[in-house]
Amino acid sequence: MNSSNLRSPLVDRDIICIIGAGTMGSGIAQVAAQSGFKTLLFDINTAVLNNAQSSIQKSLQSLVEKQKINTEESNAITERLQYVNDINLCKANVFIEAIIEKTEAKVDIFNQLAAINDEGVIFASNTSSLSISDIQQSVVNPSRVVGMHFFNPAPIMKLVEVVKGKQTDEAVAQNIYILCQQMNKVPVMCKDAPGFIVNRVARHYYLEAMKMVEEGVASFENIDAIMEASGFKMGPFKLMDLIGMDINLAVSNSIYEAFDKEERFMPSQLQIDKVAKTELGRKTGKGFYQY
């Protein structure tokens, strides 16, 4: 695709569509609407959409109560948000998907959207571990596919990794980089690689911590306490509980496979057992800690 066909996402009339209304998708939708963009939040599951709407409203009310925004601003943000469960209503200039971590699913949704939108739209994936290059291989006009990896919770965390796949047009990457800034985020550009930057570097924060517990060196509570006392905002075990044990393990598995099962990236049996027992962290009421 010729970069001249790409539209900048930085004009008032443009629309951002978030695909997937789970925790991450709803958080990104809130960020987009707070940044002044008309925002569509799509999910085929009406119950998930309703939960997302309720969650966003609670978040905005909390911001009002903390006097970070006023009631008028909250109302304006709400008016910029539209919740849809019909993919044919998903007409936008920038799409950000936050669906299940399966390459095939992401390719399928992008191609469905490609069939009903102009060729100049941008497809951004919020994947935390899948290869952007692999995703774009089977997408119509692959040069418009880029990674836009937010961190949880999206309305609070400032960092966004902008990931360039092998075929990503430079204009696409630059537009998304600027869009992140428009969203009051701190973007970091990187090439497609297993785990990108953060998840690759952070993998041993989790893996070494769990290895120490398995070896009886220290308890997970003590490891968290000492890491937080050393300046980390959250210890590795509290952080895994927040992220979700299943999600964190899926990233570990993905990076382990991408590095041809290199031993240093081997997933922890401790975490594998937690997932098997559905002790996934905050979202299930129990992980390493009880909630």
C-alpha atoms as a PDB file:
ATOM      1  CA  MET A   1       0.000   0.000   0.000  1.00  0.00           C
ATOM      2  CA  ASN A   2       1.324   3.424  -0.931  1.00  0.00           C
ATOM      3  CA  SER A   3       1.851   5.618   2.130  1.00  0.00           C
ATOM      4  CA  SER A   4       0.178   8.499   0.296  1.00  0.00           C
ATOM      5  CA  ASN A   5      -3.123   6.645   0.648  1.00  0.00           C
ATOM      6  CA  LEU A   6      -2.855   6.709   4.429  1.00  0.00           C
ATOM      7  CA  ARG A   7      -4.926   9.180   6.360  1.00  0.00           C
ATOM      8  CA  SER A   8      -3.522  10.867   9.413  1.00  0.00           C
ATOM      9  CA  PRO A   9      -5.436   9.894  12.561  1.00  0.00           C
ATOM     10  CA  LEU A  10      -4.889  13.341  13.987  1.00  0.00           C
ATOM     11  CA  VAL A  11      -7.821  15.346  12.659  1.00  0.00           C
ATOM     12  CA  ASP A  12     -10.993  16.023  14.621  1.00  0.00           C
ATOM     13  CA  ARG A  13     -13.357  14.226  12.252  1.00  0.00           C
ATOM     14  CA  ASP A  14     -11.493  10.924  12.500  1.00  0.00           C
ATOM     15  CA  ILE A  15     -12.880   7.965  14.400  1.00  0.00           C
ATOM     16  CA  ILE A  16     -11.058   5.359  16.442  1.00  0.00           C
ATOM     17  CA  CYS A  17     -12.622   1.906  16.767  1.00  0.00           C
ATOM     18  CA  ILE A  18     -11.580  -0.492  19.513  1.00  0.00           C
ATOM     19  CA  ILE A  19     -12.218  -4.163  18.805  1.00  0.00           C
ATOM     20  CA  GLY A  20     -12.837  -6.181  21.961  1.00  0.00           C
ATOM     21  CA  ALA A  21     -14.522  -4.776  25.068  1.00  0.00           C
ATOM     22  CA  GLY A  22     -12.655  -6.664  27.758  1.00  0.00           C
ATOM     23  CA  THR A  23     -10.572  -4.958  30.433  1.00  0.00           C
ATOM     24  CA  MET A  24      -7.889  -3.756  28.031  1.00  0.00           C
ATOM     25  CA  GLY A  25     -10.250  -2.828  25.193  1.00  0.00           C
ATOM     26  CA  SER A  26     -12.546  -0.799  27.423  1.00  0.00           C
ATOM     27  CA  GLY A  27      -9.542   0.940  28.963  1.00  0.00           C
ATOM     28  CA  ILE A  28      -8.180   1.901  25.545  1.00  0.00           C
ATOM     29  CA  ALA A  29     -11.635   3.129  24.498  1.00  0.00           C
ATOM     30  CA  GLN A  30     -11.752   5.375  27.557  1.00  0.00           C
ATOM     31  CA  VAL A  31      -8.300   6.744  26.710  1.00  0.00           C
ATOM     32  CA  ALA A  32      -9.340   7.497  23.122  1.00  0.00           C
ATOM     33  CA  ALA A  33     -12.560   9.238  24.154  1.00  0.00           C
ATOM     34  CA  GLN A  34     -10.806  11.230  26.873  1.00  0.00           C
ATOM     35  CA  SER A  35      -8.346  12.386  24.215  1.00  0.00           C
ATOM     36  CA  GLY A  36     -11.161  13.938  22.174  1.00  0.00           C
ATOM     37  CA  PHE A  37     -11.703  11.231  19.564  1.00  0.00           C
ATOM     38  CA  LYS A  38     -15.081   9.879  18.588  1.00  0.00           C
ATOM     39  CA  THR A  39     -14.719   6.286  19.732  1.00  0.00           C
ATOM     40  CA  LEU A  40     -16.477   3.067  18.818  1.00  0.00           C
ATOM     41  CA  LEU A  41     -16.134   0.077  21.133  1.00  0.00           C
ATOM     42  CA  PHE A  42     -17.076  -3.175  19.423  1.00  0.00           C
ATOM     43  CA  ASP A  43     -17.732  -6.609  20.835  1.00  0.00           C
ATOM     44  CA  ILE A  44     -20.048  -9.364  19.626  1.00  0.00           C
ATOM     45  CA  ASN A  45     -20.970 -10.143  23.246  1.00  0.00           C
ATOM     46  CA  THR A  46     -23.616  -7.706  24.503  1.00  0.00           C
ATOM     47  CA  ALA A  47     -22.977  -8.614  28.146  1.00  0.00           C
ATOM     48  CA  VAL A  48     -19.292  -7.779  27.740  1.00  0.00           C
ATOM     49  CA  LEU A  49     -20.222  -4.458  26.141  1.00  0.00           C
ATOM     50  CA  ASN A  50     -22.582  -3.641  29.008  1.00  0.00           C
ATOM     51  CA  ASN A  51     -19.877  -4.457  31.535  1.00  0.00           C
ATOM     52  CA  ALA A  52     -17.442  -2.249  29.637  1.00  0.00           C
ATOM     53  CA  GLN A  53     -19.882   0.659  29.626  1.00  0.00           C
ATOM     54  CA  SER A  54     -20.455   0.276  33.363  1.00  0.00           C
ATOM     55  CA  SER A  55     -16.712   0.064  34.017  1.00  0.00           C
ATOM     56  CA  ILE A  56     -15.948   3.186  31.993  1.00  0.00           C
ATOM     57  CA  GLN A  57     -18.714   5.149  33.719  1.00  0.00           C
ATOM     58  CA  LYS A  58     -17.370   4.135  37.138  1.00  0.00           C
ATOM     59  CA  SER A  59     -13.889   5.162  36.078  1.00  0.00           C
ATOM     60  CA  LEU A  60     -15.073   8.556  34.857  1.00  0.00           C
ATOM     61  CA  GLN A  61     -17.098   9.104  38.029  1.00  0.00           C
ATOM     62  CA  SER A  62     -13.983   8.347  40.049  1.00  0.00           C
ATOM     63  CA  LEU A  63     -12.067  10.969  38.068  1.00  0.00           C
ATOM     64  CA  VAL A  64     -14.830  13.502  38.792  1.00  0.00           C
ATOM     65  CA  GLU A  65     -14.731  12.696  42.494  1.00  0.00           C
ATOM     66  CA  LYS A  66     -10.957  13.123  42.507  1.00  0.00           C
ATOM     67  CA  GLN A  67     -11.461  16.456  40.683  1.00  0.00           C
ATOM     68  CA  LYS A  68      -9.276  15.352  37.781  1.00  0.00           C
ATOM     69  CA  ILE A  69     -12.118  16.146  35.382  1.00  0.00           C
ATOM     70  CA  ASN A  70     -15.418  17.954  35.896  1.00  0.00           C
ATOM     71  CA  THR A  71     -18.936  16.714  35.251  1.00  0.00           C
ATOM     72  CA  GLU A  72     -19.153  18.511  31.897  1.00  0.00           C
ATOM     73  CA  GLU A  73     -15.958  16.852  30.718  1.00  0.00           C
ATOM     74  CA  SER A  74     -17.214  13.456  31.873  1.00  0.00           C
ATOM     75  CA  ASN A  75     -20.448  13.958  29.943  1.00  0.00           C
ATOM     76  CA  ALA A  76     -18.529  14.993  26.818  1.00  0.00           C
ATOM     77  CA  ILE A  77     -16.349  11.877  27.032  1.00  0.00           C
ATOM     78  CA  THR A  78     -19.452   9.718  27.400  1.00  0.00           C
ATOM     79  CA  GLU A  79     -21.026  11.341  24.340  1.00  0.00           C
ATOM     80  CA  ARG A  80     -17.939  10.533  22.265  1.00  0.00           C
ATOM     81  CA  LEU A  81     -18.276   6.829  23.099  1.00  0.00           C
ATOM     82  CA  GLN A  82     -20.503   4.469  21.159  1.00  0.00           C
ATOM     83  CA  TYR A  83     -20.943   0.785  21.963  1.00  0.00           C
ATOM     84  CA  VAL A  84     -21.690  -1.551  19.032  1.00  0.00           C
ATOM     85  CA  ASN A  85     -22.094  -5.304  18.515  1.00  0.00           C
ATOM     86  CA  ASP A  86     -22.583  -5.194  14.731  1.00  0.00           C
ATOM     87  CA  ILE A  87     -19.267  -5.265  12.873  1.00  0.00           C
ATOM     88  CA  ASN A  88     -20.889  -3.528   9.884  1.00  0.00           C
ATOM     89  CA  LEU A  89     -21.112  -0.405  12.051  1.00  0.00           C
ATOM     90  CA  CYS A  90     -17.352  -0.410  12.560  1.00  0.00           C
ATOM     91  CA  LYS A  91     -16.358   2.360  10.172  1.00  0.00           C
ATOM     92  CA  ALA A  92     -13.288   4.238  11.326  1.00  0.00           C
ATOM     93  CA  ASN A  93      -9.851   5.545  10.392  1.00  0.00           C
ATOM     94  CA  VAL A  94      -7.844   3.723  13.061  1.00  0.00           C
ATOM     95  CA  PHE A  95      -8.704   0.304  14.479  1.00  0.00           C
ATOM     96  CA  ILE A  96      -7.109  -1.022  17.658  1.00  0.00           C
ATOM     97  CA  GLU A  97      -7.816  -4.673  18.364  1.00  0.00           C
ATOM     98  CA  ALA A  98      -7.698  -6.071  21.889  1.00  0.00           C
ATOM     99  CA  ILE A  99      -9.134  -9.531  21.374  1.00  0.00           C
ATOM    100  CA  ILE A 100      -7.956 -13.052  22.187  1.00  0.00           C
ATOM    101  CA  GLU A 101      -4.215 -13.696  21.785  1.00  0.00           C
ATOM    102  CA  LYS A 102      -4.452 -15.863  18.681  1.00  0.00           C
ATOM    103  CA  THR A 103      -2.913 -14.808  15.388  1.00  0.00           C
ATOM    104  CA  GLU A 104      -5.721 -16.373  13.346  1.00  0.00           C
ATOM    105  CA  ALA A 105      -8.393 -14.443  15.269  1.00  0.00           C
ATOM    106  CA  LYS A 106      -6.604 -11.135  14.776  1.00  0.00           C
ATOM    107  CA  VAL A 107      -6.089 -11.760  11.069  1.00  0.00           C
ATOM    108  CA  ASP A 108      -9.753 -12.693  10.666  1.00  0.00           C
ATOM    109  CA  ILE A 109     -11.095  -9.572  12.377  1.00  0.00           C
ATOM    110  CA  PHE A 110      -8.761  -7.272  10.420  1.00  0.00           C
ATOM    111  CA  ASN A 111      -9.828  -8.815   7.126  1.00  0.00           C
ATOM    112  CA  GLN A 112     -13.503  -8.492   8.057  1.00  0.00           C
ATOM    113  CA  LEU A 113     -12.894  -4.814   8.796  1.00  0.00           C
ATOM    114  CA  ALA A 114     -10.871  -4.376   5.592  1.00  0.00           C
ATOM    115  CA  ALA A 115     -13.888  -5.526   3.582  1.00  0.00           C
ATOM    116  CA  ILE A 116     -16.077  -2.692   4.901  1.00  0.00           C
ATOM    117  CA  ASN A 117     -13.550   0.150   5.212  1.00  0.00           C
ATOM    118  CA  ASP A 118     -11.294   2.246   2.977  1.00  0.00           C
ATOM    119  CA  GLU A 119      -7.856   0.885   2.123  1.00  0.00           C
ATOM    120  CA  GLY A 120      -6.207   3.778   3.964  1.00  0.00           C
ATOM    121  CA  VAL A 121      -7.356   2.767   7.455  1.00  0.00           C
ATOM    122  CA  ILE A 122      -4.764   1.672   9.990  1.00  0.00           C
ATOM    123  CA  PHE A 123      -4.950  -1.646  11.822  1.00  0.00           C
ATOM    124  CA  ALA A 124      -3.174  -1.627  15.197  1.00  0.00           C
ATOM    125  CA  SER A 125      -2.855  -4.710  17.361  1.00  0.00           C
ATOM    126  CA  ASN A 126      -2.599  -4.497  21.126  1.00  0.00           C
ATOM    127  CA  THR A 127      -0.976  -7.931  21.262  1.00  0.00           C
ATOM    128  CA  SER A 128       1.542  -8.329  24.062  1.00  0.00           C
ATOM    129  CA  SER A 129       3.443 -11.254  22.612  1.00  0.00           C
ATOM    130  CA  LEU A 130       2.354 -12.301  19.110  1.00  0.00           C
ATOM    131  CA  SER A 131       4.445 -11.387  16.073  1.00  0.00           C
ATOM    132  CA  ILE A 132       3.158  -8.349  14.182  1.00  0.00           C
ATOM    133  CA  SER A 133       4.970  -9.673  11.111  1.00  0.00           C
ATOM    134  CA  ASP A 134       3.057 -12.958  11.345  1.00  0.00           C
ATOM    135  CA  ILE A 135      -0.275 -11.152  11.745  1.00  0.00           C
ATOM    136  CA  GLN A 136       0.259  -8.883   8.761  1.00  0.00           C
ATOM    137  CA  GLN A 137       1.277 -11.707   6.413  1.00  0.00           C
ATOM    138  CA  SER A 138      -2.370 -12.708   5.882  1.00  0.00           C
ATOM    139  CA  VAL A 139      -4.044  -9.285   6.159  1.00  0.00           C
ATOM    140  CA  VAL A 140      -5.205  -7.351   3.110  1.00  0.00           C
ATOM    141  CA  ASN A 141      -2.719  -4.482   2.570  1.00  0.00           C
ATOM    142  CA  PRO A 142      -0.287  -5.711   5.260  1.00  0.00           C
ATOM    143  CA  SER A 143       1.747  -2.485   5.307  1.00  0.00           C
ATOM    144  CA  ARG A 144      -0.997  -0.773   7.349  1.00  0.00           C
ATOM    145  CA  VAL A 145      -0.696  -3.271  10.238  1.00  0.00           C
ATOM    146  CA  VAL A 146       1.265  -2.127  13.290  1.00  0.00           C
ATOM    147  CA  GLY A 147       1.596  -2.990  16.961  1.00  0.00           C
ATOM    148  CA  MET A 148       0.173  -0.609  19.569  1.00  0.00           C
ATOM    149  CA  HIS A 149       0.813  -2.328  22.876  1.00  0.00           C
ATOM    150  CA  PHE A 150      -0.843  -0.611  25.837  1.00  0.00           C
ATOM    151  CA  PHE A 151      -0.265  -1.710  29.422  1.00  0.00           C
ATOM    152  CA  ASN A 152      -2.890  -2.486  32.050  1.00  0.00           C
ATOM    153  CA  PRO A 153      -4.654  -0.405  33.296  1.00  0.00           C
ATOM    154  CA  ALA A 154      -4.652   1.509  30.022  1.00  0.00           C
ATOM    155  CA  PRO A 155      -6.137   4.786  31.373  1.00  0.00           C
ATOM    156  CA  ILE A 156      -3.296   5.017  33.920  1.00  0.00           C
ATOM    157  CA  MET A 157      -0.190   3.422  32.406  1.00  0.00           C
ATOM    158  CA  LYS A 158       1.679   5.890  30.201  1.00  0.00           C
ATOM    159  CA  LEU A 159       3.861   3.598  28.121  1.00  0.00           C
ATOM    160  CA  VAL A 160       2.795   2.290  24.699  1.00  0.00           C
ATOM    161  CA  GLU A 161       5.057   0.144  22.535  1.00  0.00           C
ATOM    162  CA  VAL A 162       4.679   0.975  18.830  1.00  0.00           C
ATOM    163  CA  VAL A 163       5.838  -2.148  17.016  1.00  0.00           C
ATOM    164  CA  LYS A 164       6.907  -2.192  13.379  1.00  0.00           C
ATOM    165  CA  GLY A 165       6.423  -5.498  11.581  1.00  0.00           C
ATOM    166  CA  LYS A 166       8.518  -6.448   8.558  1.00  0.00           C
ATOM    167  CA  GLN A 167       5.964  -4.916   6.178  1.00  0.00           C
ATOM    168  CA  THR A 168       4.745  -1.973   8.273  1.00  0.00           C
ATOM    169  CA  ASP A 169       4.799   1.277   6.329  1.00  0.00           C
ATOM    170  CA  GLU A 170       6.913   3.916   8.083  1.00  0.00           C
ATOM    171  CA  ALA A 171       4.051   6.421   7.733  1.00  0.00           C
ATOM    172  CA  VAL A 172       1.741   4.026   9.605  1.00  0.00           C
ATOM    173  CA  ALA A 173       4.201   3.642  12.461  1.00  0.00           C
ATOM    174  CA  GLN A 174       4.757   7.406  12.675  1.00  0.00           C
ATOM    175  CA  ASN A 175       1.010   8.119  12.657  1.00  0.00           C
ATOM    176  CA  ILE A 176       0.458   5.700  15.527  1.00  0.00           C
ATOM    177  CA  TYR A 177       3.436   7.156  17.405  1.00  0.00           C
ATOM    178  CA  ILE A 178       1.907  10.632  17.131  1.00  0.00           C
ATOM    179  CA  LEU A 179      -1.527   9.277  18.007  1.00  0.00           C
ATOM    180  CA  CYS A 180      -0.076   7.900  21.246  1.00  0.00           C
ATOM    181  CA  GLN A 181       1.192  11.375  22.075  1.00  0.00           C
ATOM    182  CA  GLN A 182      -2.253  12.800  21.302  1.00  0.00           C
ATOM    183  CA  MET A 183      -3.588  10.301  23.839  1.00  0.00           C
ATOM    184  CA  ASN A 184      -1.137  11.682  26.421  1.00  0.00           C
ATOM    185  CA  LYS A 185       0.884   8.478  26.319  1.00  0.00           C
ATOM    186  CA  VAL A 186       4.640   7.925  26.098  1.00  0.00           C
ATOM    187  CA  PRO A 187       5.310   5.893  22.925  1.00  0.00           C
ATOM    188  CA  VAL A 188       8.447   3.862  22.314  1.00  0.00           C
ATOM    189  CA  MET A 189       9.162   2.640  18.787  1.00  0.00           C
ATOM    190  CA  CYS A 190      10.585  -0.840  18.350  1.00  0.00           C
ATOM    191  CA  LYS A 191      10.968  -3.537  15.724  1.00  0.00           C
ATOM    192  CA  ASP A 192       8.948  -6.729  15.898  1.00  0.00           C
ATOM    193  CA  ALA A 193      10.744  -9.237  18.137  1.00  0.00           C
ATOM    194  CA  PRO A 194       9.594 -11.833  20.691  1.00  0.00           C
ATOM    195  CA  GLY A 195       8.131 -10.019  23.703  1.00  0.00           C
ATOM    196  CA  PHE A 196       8.940  -6.636  22.111  1.00  0.00           C
ATOM    197  CA  ILE A 197      10.831  -4.657  24.783  1.00  0.00           C
ATOM    198  CA  VAL A 198       8.950  -4.728  28.080  1.00  0.00           C
ATOM    199  CA  ASN A 199       7.740  -8.325  28.143  1.00  0.00           C
ATOM    200  CA  ARG A 200      11.131  -9.645  27.108  1.00  0.00           C
ATOM    201  CA  VAL A 201      13.013  -7.661  29.746  1.00  0.00           C
ATOM    202  CA  ALA A 202      10.372  -8.272  32.437  1.00  0.00           C
ATOM    203  CA  ARG A 203      10.136 -12.032  31.819  1.00  0.00           C
ATOM    204  CA  HIS A 204      12.943 -12.730  34.278  1.00  0.00           C
ATOM    205  CA  TYR A 205      11.397 -10.429  36.864  1.00  0.00           C
ATOM    206  CA  TYR A 206       8.654 -13.044  37.055  1.00  0.00           C
ATOM    207  CA  LEU A 207      10.566 -16.231  36.214  1.00  0.00           C
ATOM    208  CA  GLU A 208      13.489 -15.705  38.586  1.00  0.00           C
ATOM    209  CA  ALA A 209      11.117 -14.689  41.389  1.00  0.00           C
ATOM    210  CA  MET A 210       9.090 -17.891  40.969  1.00  0.00           C
ATOM    211  CA  LYS A 211      12.267 -19.965  40.743  1.00  0.00           C
ATOM    212  CA  MET A 212      13.369 -18.567  44.113  1.00  0.00           C
ATOM    213  CA  VAL A 213      10.057 -19.605  45.663  1.00  0.00           C
ATOM    214  CA  GLU A 214      10.275 -23.087  44.110  1.00  0.00           C
ATOM    215  CA  GLU A 215      13.807 -23.481  45.472  1.00  0.00           C
ATOM    216  CA  GLY A 216      12.732 -22.340  48.939  1.00  0.00           C
ATOM    217  CA  VAL A 217      15.045 -19.320  48.903  1.00  0.00           C
ATOM    218  CA  ALA A 218      12.297 -16.918  50.014  1.00  0.00           C
ATOM    219  CA  SER A 219       8.522 -16.606  50.237  1.00  0.00           C
ATOM    220  CA  PHE A 220       6.631 -14.734  47.532  1.00  0.00           C
ATOM    221  CA  GLU A 221       5.495 -12.207  50.161  1.00  0.00           C
ATOM    222  CA  ASN A 222       9.097 -11.438  51.139  1.00  0.00           C
ATOM    223  CA  ILE A 223      10.206 -11.159  47.519  1.00  0.00           C
ATOM    224  CA  ASP A 224       7.422  -8.667  46.823  1.00  0.00           C
ATOM    225  CA  ALA A 225       8.241  -6.700  49.967  1.00  0.00           C
ATOM    226  CA  ILE A 226      11.940  -6.373  49.176  1.00  0.00           C
ATOM    227  CA  MET A 227      11.366  -5.443  45.541  1.00  0.00           C
ATOM    228  CA  GLU A 228       8.865  -2.753  46.529  1.00  0.00           C
ATOM    229  CA  ALA A 229      11.258  -1.494  49.223  1.00  0.00           C
ATOM    230  CA  SER A 230      13.912  -1.273  46.494  1.00  0.00           C
ATOM    231  CA  GLY A 231      11.758   1.112  44.462  1.00  0.00           C
ATOM    232  CA  PHE A 232       9.567  -1.138  42.315  1.00  0.00           C
ATOM    233  CA  LYS A 233       5.943  -0.039  42.371  1.00  0.00           C
ATOM    234  CA  MET A 234       4.759  -3.650  42.602  1.00  0.00           C
ATOM    235  CA  GLY A 235       6.519  -6.882  43.404  1.00  0.00           C
ATOM    236  CA  PRO A 236       6.445  -9.632  40.753  1.00  0.00           C
ATOM    237  CA  PHE A 237       3.759 -11.710  42.460  1.00  0.00           C
ATOM    238  CA  LYS A 238       1.367  -8.812  43.033  1.00  0.00           C
ATOM    239  CA  LEU A 239       1.959  -7.789  39.439  1.00  0.00           C
ATOM    240  CA  MET A 240       1.195 -11.268  38.105  1.00  0.00           C
ATOM    241  CA  ASP A 241      -2.022 -11.282  40.140  1.00  0.00           C
ATOM    242  CA  LEU A 242      -2.973  -7.930  38.627  1.00  0.00           C
ATOM    243  CA  ILE A 243      -2.156  -8.914  35.035  1.00  0.00           C
ATOM    244  CA  GLY A 244      -3.814 -12.320  35.339  1.00  0.00           C
ATOM    245  CA  MET A 245      -1.937 -15.574  35.728  1.00  0.00           C
ATOM    246  CA  ASP A 246      -3.304 -16.966  32.459  1.00  0.00           C
ATOM    247  CA  ILE A 247      -2.280 -13.906  30.464  1.00  0.00           C
ATOM    248  CA  ASN A 248       1.177 -13.778  32.039  1.00  0.00           C
ATOM    249  CA  LEU A 249       1.726 -17.494  31.400  1.00  0.00           C
ATOM    250  CA  ALA A 250       0.560 -17.145  27.787  1.00  0.00           C
ATOM    251  CA  VAL A 251       3.212 -14.473  27.214  1.00  0.00           C
ATOM    252  CA  SER A 252       5.860 -16.683  28.812  1.00  0.00           C
ATOM    253  CA  ASN A 253       4.854 -19.601  26.615  1.00  0.00           C
ATOM    254  CA  SER A 254       4.901 -17.420  23.505  1.00  0.00           C
ATOM    255  CA  ILE A 255       8.386 -16.059  24.213  1.00  0.00           C
ATOM    256  CA  TYR A 256       9.648 -19.542  25.160  1.00  0.00           C
ATOM    257  CA  GLU A 257       8.463 -20.936  21.819  1.00  0.00           C
ATOM    258  CA  ALA A 258       9.771 -17.928  19.881  1.00  0.00           C
ATOM    259  CA  PHE A 259      13.250 -18.516  21.304  1.00  0.00           C
ATOM    260  CA  ASP A 260      13.170 -22.223  20.386  1.00  0.00           C
ATOM    261  CA  LYS A 261      12.547 -23.289  23.994  1.00  0.00           C
ATOM    262  CA  GLU A 262      15.663 -21.634  25.337  1.00  0.00           C
ATOM    263  CA  GLU A 263      15.975 -22.661  28.986  1.00  0.00           C
ATOM    264  CA  ARG A 264      16.188 -19.136  30.368  1.00  0.00           C
ATOM    265  CA  PHE A 265      12.646 -18.459  29.121  1.00  0.00           C
ATOM    266  CA  MET A 266      11.113 -21.732  30.386  1.00  0.00           C
ATOM    267  CA  PRO A 267       7.694 -21.078  32.021  1.00  0.00           C
ATOM    268  CA  SER A 268       7.448 -21.763  35.747  1.00  0.00           C
ATOM    269  CA  GLN A 269       5.650 -24.892  36.941  1.00  0.00           C
ATOM    270  CA  LEU A 270       4.450 -22.810  39.886  1.00  0.00           C
ATOM    271  CA  GLN A 271       2.491 -20.575  37.521  1.00  0.00           C
ATOM    272  CA  ILE A 272       1.349 -23.484  35.358  1.00  0.00           C
ATOM    273  CA  ASP A 273      -0.200 -25.073  38.461  1.00  0.00           C
ATOM    274  CA  LYS A 274      -1.927 -21.806  39.407  1.00  0.00           C
ATOM    275  CA  VAL A 275      -3.553 -21.585  35.989  1.00  0.00           C
ATOM    276  CA  ALA A 276      -4.616 -25.241  36.128  1.00  0.00           C
ATOM    277  CA  LYS A 277      -6.394 -24.526  39.432  1.00  0.00           C
ATOM    278  CA  THR A 278      -7.971 -21.338  37.968  1.00  0.00           C
ATOM    279  CA  GLU A 279      -6.159 -19.253  40.564  1.00  0.00           C
ATOM    280  CA  LEU A 280      -5.619 -16.424  38.119  1.00  0.00           C
ATOM    281  CA  GLY A 281      -5.222 -13.481  40.473  1.00  0.00           C
ATOM    282  CA  ARG A 282      -7.491 -10.554  41.213  1.00  0.00           C
ATOM    283  CA  LYS A 283     -10.060 -11.476  38.569  1.00  0.00           C
ATOM    284  CA  THR A 284     -10.795 -14.852  40.210  1.00  0.00           C
ATOM    285  CA  GLY A 285     -10.306 -13.749  43.813  1.00  0.00           C
ATOM    286  CA  LYS A 286      -7.156 -15.787  44.312  1.00  0.00           C
ATOM    287  CA  GLY A 287      -3.708 -16.003  42.777  1.00  0.00           C
ATOM    288  CA  PHE A 288      -0.607 -15.820  44.892  1.00  0.00           C
ATOM    289  CA  TYR A 289      -2.692 -13.650  47.204  1.00  0.00           C
ATOM    290  CA  GLN A 290      -6.301 -13.924  48.364  1.00  0.00           C
ATOM    291  CA  TYR A 291      -8.691 -11.147  47.283  1.00  0.00           C
END
